[in-house]
Amino acid sequence: MRQIIKSKCKNNLNGFSLLELLVVLAIIGIILSFIVPNVINRPDEARKAKLLNDINVLEAALGLYKLDHGNYPSENESLIILSEKKYISGVPVDPWKNPYKYRNPGKYGDVDVFSLGADNEEGGKGQDSDFGNWTLTSAEK
């Protein structure tokens, strides 16, 4: 009797049937068909959000630096001084892994903080366009 029970239990532990695996794969495929399009269509929005956030953080740190020192850092000191003086924990890079550019005096304001886009060259369209603190609308600030 014990051998019959052991053999029945042993047969139940052999694994999943092909049909069960196909059902699980079909369910995963259905779930991914809803998720993947939403994730794939948003990289541009994610890059813009990172740009907005980084530039706002850098502008805030520059404002604190000016309050403490009476003026903004020179272009030679660059944004690195904000990290050295502990205004920020580290200087961020843009979504394309290029350092943000800094201009003092600025072309568009007191100072300019900007990214040259995906091509890392001035000008361009789409992802290659320049994006800086002057491109932010008052609603985004």
N, C-alpha and C. Protein backbone atom coordinates (compact mmCIF):
# COMPACT_ATOMS: atom_id res chain seq x y z
N MET A 1 0.81 -1.18 0.00
CA MET A 1 0.00 0.00 0.00
C MET A 1 0.86 1.26 0.00
N ARG A 2 1.94 1.22 0.79
CA ARG A 2 2.83 2.38 0.85
C ARG A 2 3.47 2.64 -0.51
N GLN A 3 3.82 1.61 -1.23
CA GLN A 3 4.44 1.79 -2.53
C GLN A 3 3.47 2.43 -3.52
N ILE A 4 2.19 2.12 -3.46
CA ILE A 4 1.20 2.70 -4.34
C ILE A 4 1.07 4.20 -4.05
N ILE A 5 1.02 4.59 -2.76
CA ILE A 5 0.90 6.00 -2.38
C ILE A 5 2.15 6.75 -2.81
N LYS A 6 3.34 6.18 -2.61
CA LYS A 6 4.59 6.83 -3.00
C LYS A 6 4.65 7.04 -4.50
N SER A 7 4.22 6.04 -5.27
CA SER A 7 4.30 6.18 -6.72
C SER A 7 3.31 7.23 -7.23
N LYS A 8 2.13 7.34 -6.60
CA LYS A 8 1.17 8.38 -7.00
C LYS A 8 1.69 9.77 -6.65
N CYS A 9 2.28 9.91 -5.48
CA CYS A 9 2.85 11.21 -5.09
C CYS A 9 4.03 11.56 -5.99
N LYS A 10 4.82 10.60 -6.34
CA LYS A 10 5.98 10.83 -7.20
C LYS A 10 5.53 11.29 -8.58
N ASN A 11 4.45 10.74 -9.09
CA ASN A 11 3.95 11.15 -10.40
C ASN A 11 3.45 12.59 -10.38
N ASN A 12 2.91 13.08 -9.26
CA ASN A 12 2.41 14.46 -9.17
C ASN A 12 3.53 15.48 -9.09
N LEU A 13 4.74 15.07 -8.78
CA LEU A 13 5.84 16.00 -8.61
C LEU A 13 6.74 16.08 -9.84
N ASN A 14 6.30 15.56 -10.95
CA ASN A 14 7.13 15.55 -12.15
C ASN A 14 7.29 16.92 -12.80
N GLY A 15 6.42 17.87 -12.52
CA GLY A 15 6.54 19.20 -13.11
C GLY A 15 5.25 19.63 -13.77
N PHE A 16 5.35 20.71 -14.56
CA PHE A 16 4.18 21.26 -15.22
C PHE A 16 4.00 20.63 -16.58
N SER A 17 2.77 20.55 -17.00
CA SER A 17 2.50 20.04 -18.34
C SER A 17 2.74 21.16 -19.35
N LEU A 18 2.85 20.78 -20.58
CA LEU A 18 3.07 21.75 -21.65
C LEU A 18 1.89 22.72 -21.73
N LEU A 19 0.71 22.24 -21.53
CA LEU A 19 -0.48 23.10 -21.58
C LEU A 19 -0.43 24.16 -20.48
N GLU A 20 -0.04 23.77 -19.28
CA GLU A 20 0.06 24.73 -18.17
C GLU A 20 1.10 25.82 -18.48
N LEU A 21 2.22 25.42 -19.03
CA LEU A 21 3.25 26.39 -19.39
C LEU A 21 2.76 27.35 -20.47
N LEU A 22 2.04 26.83 -21.45
CA LEU A 22 1.51 27.68 -22.51
C LEU A 22 0.49 28.68 -21.98
N VAL A 23 -0.33 28.26 -21.03
CA VAL A 23 -1.31 29.17 -20.43
C VAL A 23 -0.60 30.29 -19.68
N VAL A 24 0.42 29.96 -18.91
CA VAL A 24 1.18 30.97 -18.17
C VAL A 24 1.85 31.94 -19.13
N LEU A 25 2.47 31.42 -20.19
CA LEU A 25 3.11 32.29 -21.18
C LEU A 25 2.11 33.20 -21.87
N ALA A 26 0.92 32.68 -22.15
CA ALA A 26 -0.12 33.50 -22.77
C ALA A 26 -0.55 34.63 -21.84
N ILE A 27 -0.70 34.33 -20.56
CA ILE A 27 -1.08 35.36 -19.58
C ILE A 27 0.01 36.43 -19.49
N ILE A 28 1.26 36.02 -19.44
CA ILE A 28 2.37 36.98 -19.39
C ILE A 28 2.38 37.84 -20.65
N GLY A 29 2.14 37.23 -21.80
CA GLY A 29 2.09 37.97 -23.06
C GLY A 29 0.98 39.01 -23.07
N ILE A 30 -0.17 38.67 -22.54
CA ILE A 30 -1.29 39.61 -22.49
C ILE A 30 -0.94 40.78 -21.57
N ILE A 31 -0.36 40.50 -20.44
CA ILE A 31 0.02 41.57 -19.50
C ILE A 31 1.06 42.49 -20.15
N LEU A 32 2.07 41.91 -20.79
CA LEU A 32 3.11 42.72 -21.44
C LEU A 32 2.56 43.55 -22.59
N SER A 33 1.55 43.06 -23.26
CA SER A 33 0.98 43.83 -24.38
C SER A 33 0.35 45.13 -23.90
N PHE A 34 -0.05 45.20 -22.64
CA PHE A 34 -0.58 46.45 -22.09
C PHE A 34 0.53 47.34 -21.52
N ILE A 35 1.56 46.74 -20.96
CA ILE A 35 2.60 47.50 -20.27
C ILE A 35 3.65 48.04 -21.23
N VAL A 36 4.16 47.24 -22.13
CA VAL A 36 5.28 47.62 -22.99
C VAL A 36 5.01 48.87 -23.82
N PRO A 37 3.87 49.00 -24.49
CA PRO A 37 3.66 50.23 -25.28
C PRO A 37 3.70 51.50 -24.43
N ASN A 38 3.20 51.41 -23.21
CA ASN A 38 3.23 52.58 -22.34
C ASN A 38 4.65 52.94 -21.92
N VAL A 39 5.50 51.97 -21.72
CA VAL A 39 6.87 52.23 -21.31
C VAL A 39 7.71 52.68 -22.50
N ILE A 40 7.53 52.07 -23.64
CA ILE A 40 8.34 52.38 -24.82
C ILE A 40 8.06 53.79 -25.33
N ASN A 41 6.84 54.28 -25.24
CA ASN A 41 6.48 55.58 -25.78
C ASN A 41 6.85 56.74 -24.87
N ARG A 42 7.50 56.51 -23.75
CA ARG A 42 7.75 57.58 -22.81
C ARG A 42 9.21 57.95 -22.59
N PRO A 43 10.17 57.49 -23.34
CA PRO A 43 11.55 57.88 -23.04
C PRO A 43 11.79 59.37 -23.22
N ASP A 44 11.12 60.00 -24.19
CA ASP A 44 11.30 61.44 -24.39
C ASP A 44 10.76 62.22 -23.20
N GLU A 45 9.62 61.78 -22.67
CA GLU A 45 9.06 62.43 -21.49
C GLU A 45 9.98 62.26 -20.28
N ALA A 46 10.57 61.09 -20.15
CA ALA A 46 11.48 60.84 -19.03
C ALA A 46 12.72 61.72 -19.15
N ARG A 47 13.24 61.87 -20.36
CA ARG A 47 14.42 62.73 -20.56
C ARG A 47 14.09 64.18 -20.22
N LYS A 48 12.93 64.65 -20.66
CA LYS A 48 12.53 66.03 -20.37
C LYS A 48 12.35 66.23 -18.87
N ALA A 49 11.76 65.26 -18.19
CA ALA A 49 11.58 65.38 -16.74
C ALA A 49 12.92 65.45 -16.03
N LYS A 50 13.88 64.65 -16.48
CA LYS A 50 15.22 64.69 -15.88
C LYS A 50 15.87 66.04 -16.12
N LEU A 51 15.76 66.55 -17.35
CA LEU A 51 16.31 67.87 -17.66
C LEU A 51 15.71 68.95 -16.77
N LEU A 52 14.38 68.95 -16.66
CA LEU A 52 13.71 69.94 -15.82
C LEU A 52 14.18 69.85 -14.38
N ASN A 53 14.21 68.65 -13.84
CA ASN A 53 14.61 68.46 -12.46
C ASN A 53 16.06 68.88 -12.23
N ASP A 54 16.95 68.43 -13.08
CA ASP A 54 18.38 68.75 -12.91
C ASP A 54 18.62 70.26 -13.00
N ILE A 55 18.00 70.91 -13.98
CA ILE A 55 18.21 72.34 -14.14
C ILE A 55 17.63 73.12 -12.96
N ASN A 56 16.48 72.69 -12.46
CA ASN A 56 15.91 73.34 -11.27
C ASN A 56 16.82 73.18 -10.05
N VAL A 57 17.38 72.00 -9.87
CA VAL A 57 18.30 71.76 -8.75
C VAL A 57 19.55 72.62 -8.90
N LEU A 58 20.11 72.66 -10.11
CA LEU A 58 21.31 73.47 -10.33
C LEU A 58 21.03 74.95 -10.14
N GLU A 59 19.87 75.43 -10.59
CA GLU A 59 19.52 76.84 -10.39
C GLU A 59 19.36 77.16 -8.91
N ALA A 60 18.75 76.26 -8.16
CA ALA A 60 18.58 76.49 -6.72
C ALA A 60 19.94 76.55 -6.03
N ALA A 61 20.83 75.64 -6.39
CA ALA A 61 22.17 75.63 -5.80
C ALA A 61 22.94 76.89 -6.18
N LEU A 62 22.78 77.34 -7.42
CA LEU A 62 23.43 78.58 -7.85
C LEU A 62 22.88 79.78 -7.06
N GLY A 63 21.59 79.78 -6.81
CA GLY A 63 20.98 80.85 -6.01
C GLY A 63 21.54 80.88 -4.59
N LEU A 64 21.70 79.71 -3.98
CA LEU A 64 22.28 79.64 -2.63
C LEU A 64 23.74 80.09 -2.65
N TYR A 65 24.46 79.70 -3.67
CA TYR A 65 25.86 80.11 -3.80
C TYR A 65 25.94 81.64 -3.89
N LYS A 66 25.06 82.24 -4.67
CA LYS A 66 25.06 83.70 -4.82
C LYS A 66 24.73 84.38 -3.50
N LEU A 67 23.78 83.82 -2.74
CA LEU A 67 23.44 84.40 -1.44
C LEU A 67 24.65 84.39 -0.50
N ASP A 68 25.41 83.31 -0.53
CA ASP A 68 26.56 83.17 0.37
C ASP A 68 27.76 83.99 -0.09
N HIS A 69 27.97 84.10 -1.39
CA HIS A 69 29.21 84.70 -1.92
C HIS A 69 29.00 86.05 -2.61
N GLY A 70 27.77 86.45 -2.82
CA GLY A 70 27.51 87.74 -3.44
C GLY A 70 27.45 87.72 -4.95
N ASN A 71 27.88 86.65 -5.56
CA ASN A 71 27.82 86.53 -7.03
C ASN A 71 27.81 85.05 -7.41
N TYR A 72 27.50 84.82 -8.67
CA TYR A 72 27.49 83.45 -9.17
C TYR A 72 28.93 82.99 -9.42
N PRO A 73 29.16 81.68 -9.45
CA PRO A 73 30.51 81.20 -9.79
C PRO A 73 30.90 81.63 -11.21
N SER A 74 32.18 81.78 -11.44
CA SER A 74 32.64 82.12 -12.79
C SER A 74 32.52 80.90 -13.69
N GLU A 75 32.62 81.12 -14.98
CA GLU A 75 32.59 79.99 -15.90
C GLU A 75 33.77 79.05 -15.66
N ASN A 76 34.91 79.60 -15.29
CA ASN A 76 36.08 78.76 -15.01
C ASN A 76 35.85 77.85 -13.81
N GLU A 77 35.13 78.36 -12.80
CA GLU A 77 34.82 77.53 -11.63
C GLU A 77 33.79 76.47 -12.00
N SER A 78 32.94 76.80 -12.93
CA SER A 78 31.90 75.93 -13.48
C SER A 78 30.96 75.41 -12.39
N LEU A 79 30.13 74.46 -12.77
CA LEU A 79 29.16 73.90 -11.84
C LEU A 79 29.81 72.98 -10.81
N ILE A 80 31.03 72.58 -11.05
CA ILE A 80 31.73 71.67 -10.14
C ILE A 80 31.89 72.30 -8.76
N ILE A 81 32.04 73.62 -8.72
CA ILE A 81 32.23 74.28 -7.43
C ILE A 81 31.01 74.10 -6.52
N LEU A 82 29.84 73.92 -7.10
CA LEU A 82 28.64 73.68 -6.29
C LEU A 82 28.76 72.40 -5.49
N SER A 83 29.38 71.41 -6.09
CA SER A 83 29.62 70.14 -5.40
C SER A 83 30.76 70.27 -4.40
N GLU A 84 31.81 70.98 -4.79
CA GLU A 84 32.96 71.15 -3.90
C GLU A 84 32.59 71.93 -2.64
N LYS A 85 31.69 72.91 -2.78
CA LYS A 85 31.27 73.73 -1.64
C LYS A 85 30.05 73.14 -0.94
N LYS A 86 29.65 71.94 -1.32
CA LYS A 86 28.57 71.18 -0.67
C LYS A 86 27.17 71.78 -0.86
N TYR A 87 26.94 72.48 -1.96
CA TYR A 87 25.59 72.95 -2.26
C TYR A 87 24.75 71.84 -2.87
N ILE A 88 25.41 70.92 -3.56
CA ILE A 88 24.77 69.71 -4.08
C ILE A 88 25.73 68.55 -3.85
N SER A 89 25.19 67.35 -3.82
CA SER A 89 26.03 66.18 -3.52
C SER A 89 26.89 65.77 -4.71
N GLY A 90 26.51 66.12 -5.89
CA GLY A 90 27.28 65.81 -7.09
C GLY A 90 26.66 66.53 -8.27
N VAL A 91 27.46 66.85 -9.25
CA VAL A 91 26.95 67.55 -10.43
C VAL A 91 26.30 66.52 -11.35
N PRO A 92 25.01 66.67 -11.62
CA PRO A 92 24.34 65.69 -12.49
C PRO A 92 24.81 65.83 -13.94
N VAL A 93 24.56 64.79 -14.70
CA VAL A 93 24.80 64.83 -16.14
C VAL A 93 23.45 64.76 -16.84
N ASP A 94 23.40 65.23 -18.07
CA ASP A 94 22.13 65.22 -18.80
C ASP A 94 21.74 63.78 -19.18
N PRO A 95 20.55 63.58 -19.72
CA PRO A 95 20.10 62.22 -20.04
C PRO A 95 20.97 61.48 -21.04
N TRP A 96 21.85 62.19 -21.75
CA TRP A 96 22.73 61.56 -22.73
C TRP A 96 24.14 61.41 -22.18
N LYS A 97 24.27 61.55 -20.87
CA LYS A 97 25.54 61.36 -20.13
C LYS A 97 26.58 62.43 -20.43
N ASN A 98 26.14 63.62 -20.86
CA ASN A 98 27.03 64.76 -21.07
C ASN A 98 26.89 65.72 -19.91
N PRO A 99 27.96 66.42 -19.54
CA PRO A 99 27.83 67.38 -18.45
C PRO A 99 26.97 68.58 -18.88
N TYR A 100 26.24 69.13 -17.92
CA TYR A 100 25.48 70.34 -18.20
C TYR A 100 26.45 71.50 -18.44
N LYS A 101 26.07 72.40 -19.30
CA LYS A 101 26.88 73.57 -19.62
C LYS A 101 26.45 74.73 -18.73
N TYR A 102 27.40 75.64 -18.50
CA TYR A 102 27.15 76.78 -17.63
C TYR A 102 27.77 78.01 -18.26
N ARG A 103 27.01 79.09 -18.29
CA ARG A 103 27.50 80.33 -18.87
C ARG A 103 27.23 81.47 -17.88
N ASN A 104 28.30 82.23 -17.55
CA ASN A 104 28.18 83.40 -16.69
C ASN A 104 29.07 84.50 -17.24
N PRO A 105 28.56 85.60 -17.70
CA PRO A 105 27.15 85.98 -17.70
C PRO A 105 26.38 85.19 -18.76
N GLY A 106 25.11 85.02 -18.49
CA GLY A 106 24.28 84.24 -19.39
C GLY A 106 23.87 85.00 -20.63
N LYS A 107 23.56 84.28 -21.65
CA LYS A 107 23.07 84.86 -22.90
C LYS A 107 21.59 85.20 -22.77
N TYR A 108 20.86 84.42 -21.94
CA TYR A 108 19.41 84.58 -21.82
C TYR A 108 18.99 85.10 -20.45
N GLY A 109 19.87 85.11 -19.48
CA GLY A 109 19.55 85.55 -18.13
C GLY A 109 20.85 85.85 -17.40
N ASP A 110 20.77 85.97 -16.07
CA ASP A 110 21.99 86.21 -15.29
C ASP A 110 23.02 85.12 -15.55
N VAL A 111 22.55 83.88 -15.49
CA VAL A 111 23.39 82.72 -15.81
C VAL A 111 22.57 81.75 -16.64
N ASP A 112 23.22 80.97 -17.46
CA ASP A 112 22.55 79.94 -18.26
C ASP A 112 23.05 78.58 -17.82
N VAL A 113 22.11 77.68 -17.57
CA VAL A 113 22.41 76.27 -17.30
C VAL A 113 21.67 75.49 -18.37
N PHE A 114 22.41 74.67 -19.13
CA PHE A 114 21.76 74.04 -20.28
C PHE A 114 22.44 72.74 -20.70
N SER A 115 21.70 71.99 -21.52
CA SER A 115 22.18 70.77 -22.17
C SER A 115 22.15 71.02 -23.67
N LEU A 116 23.11 70.50 -24.36
CA LEU A 116 23.16 70.64 -25.82
C LEU A 116 22.37 69.54 -26.54
N GLY A 117 21.71 68.69 -25.80
CA GLY A 117 20.90 67.64 -26.41
C GLY A 117 21.69 66.40 -26.75
N ALA A 118 21.07 65.51 -27.47
CA ALA A 118 21.66 64.20 -27.77
C ALA A 118 22.94 64.31 -28.60
N ASP A 119 23.01 65.30 -29.50
CA ASP A 119 24.19 65.43 -30.35
C ASP A 119 25.34 66.18 -29.68
N ASN A 120 25.09 66.78 -28.52
CA ASN A 120 26.09 67.54 -27.75
C ASN A 120 26.72 68.66 -28.59
N GLU A 121 25.91 69.24 -29.48
CA GLU A 121 26.34 70.37 -30.30
C GLU A 121 25.24 71.43 -30.27
N GLU A 122 25.62 72.68 -30.40
CA GLU A 122 24.63 73.76 -30.37
C GLU A 122 23.65 73.63 -31.52
N GLY A 123 22.40 74.00 -31.22
CA GLY A 123 21.34 73.93 -32.22
C GLY A 123 20.78 72.53 -32.34
N GLY A 124 20.00 72.33 -33.34
CA GLY A 124 19.41 71.02 -33.59
C GLY A 124 17.92 71.02 -33.35
N LYS A 125 17.30 69.91 -33.70
CA LYS A 125 15.86 69.75 -33.54
C LYS A 125 15.58 68.45 -32.82
N GLY A 126 14.42 68.39 -32.20
CA GLY A 126 14.03 67.17 -31.49
C GLY A 126 14.96 66.91 -30.32
N GLN A 127 15.47 65.70 -30.24
CA GLN A 127 16.38 65.33 -29.15
C GLN A 127 17.73 66.05 -29.25
N ASP A 128 18.06 66.55 -30.41
CA ASP A 128 19.33 67.26 -30.60
C ASP A 128 19.23 68.74 -30.21
N SER A 129 18.03 69.23 -29.89
CA SER A 129 17.88 70.66 -29.59
C SER A 129 18.44 70.97 -28.21
N ASP A 130 18.86 72.22 -28.04
CA ASP A 130 19.38 72.69 -26.77
C ASP A 130 18.22 72.91 -25.80
N PHE A 131 18.46 72.64 -24.54
CA PHE A 131 17.43 72.80 -23.53
C PHE A 131 18.07 73.43 -22.31
N GLY A 132 17.58 74.58 -21.90
CA GLY A 132 18.20 75.26 -20.77
C GLY A 132 17.20 75.96 -19.89
N ASN A 133 17.72 76.67 -18.88
CA ASN A 133 16.83 77.34 -17.94
C ASN A 133 16.01 78.44 -18.63
N TRP A 134 16.41 78.90 -19.78
CA TRP A 134 15.63 79.89 -20.51
C TRP A 134 14.47 79.27 -21.26
N THR A 135 14.50 77.96 -21.48
CA THR A 135 13.41 77.30 -22.20
C THR A 135 12.27 76.88 -21.28
N LEU A 136 12.52 76.95 -19.98
CA LEU A 136 11.48 76.57 -19.02
C LEU A 136 10.43 77.67 -18.97
N THR A 137 9.18 77.29 -18.98
CA THR A 137 8.13 78.28 -18.82
C THR A 137 7.95 78.57 -17.35
N SER A 138 7.30 79.63 -17.03
CA SER A 138 7.09 79.99 -15.62
C SER A 138 6.26 78.93 -14.91
N ALA A 139 5.40 78.22 -15.65
CA ALA A 139 4.59 77.15 -15.03
C ALA A 139 5.47 75.97 -14.64
N GLU A 140 6.53 75.69 -15.43
CA GLU A 140 7.40 74.57 -15.13
C GLU A 140 8.36 74.89 -14.01
N LYS A 141 8.70 76.15 -13.83
CA LYS A 141 9.58 76.57 -12.74
C LYS A 141 8.80 76.55 -11.48
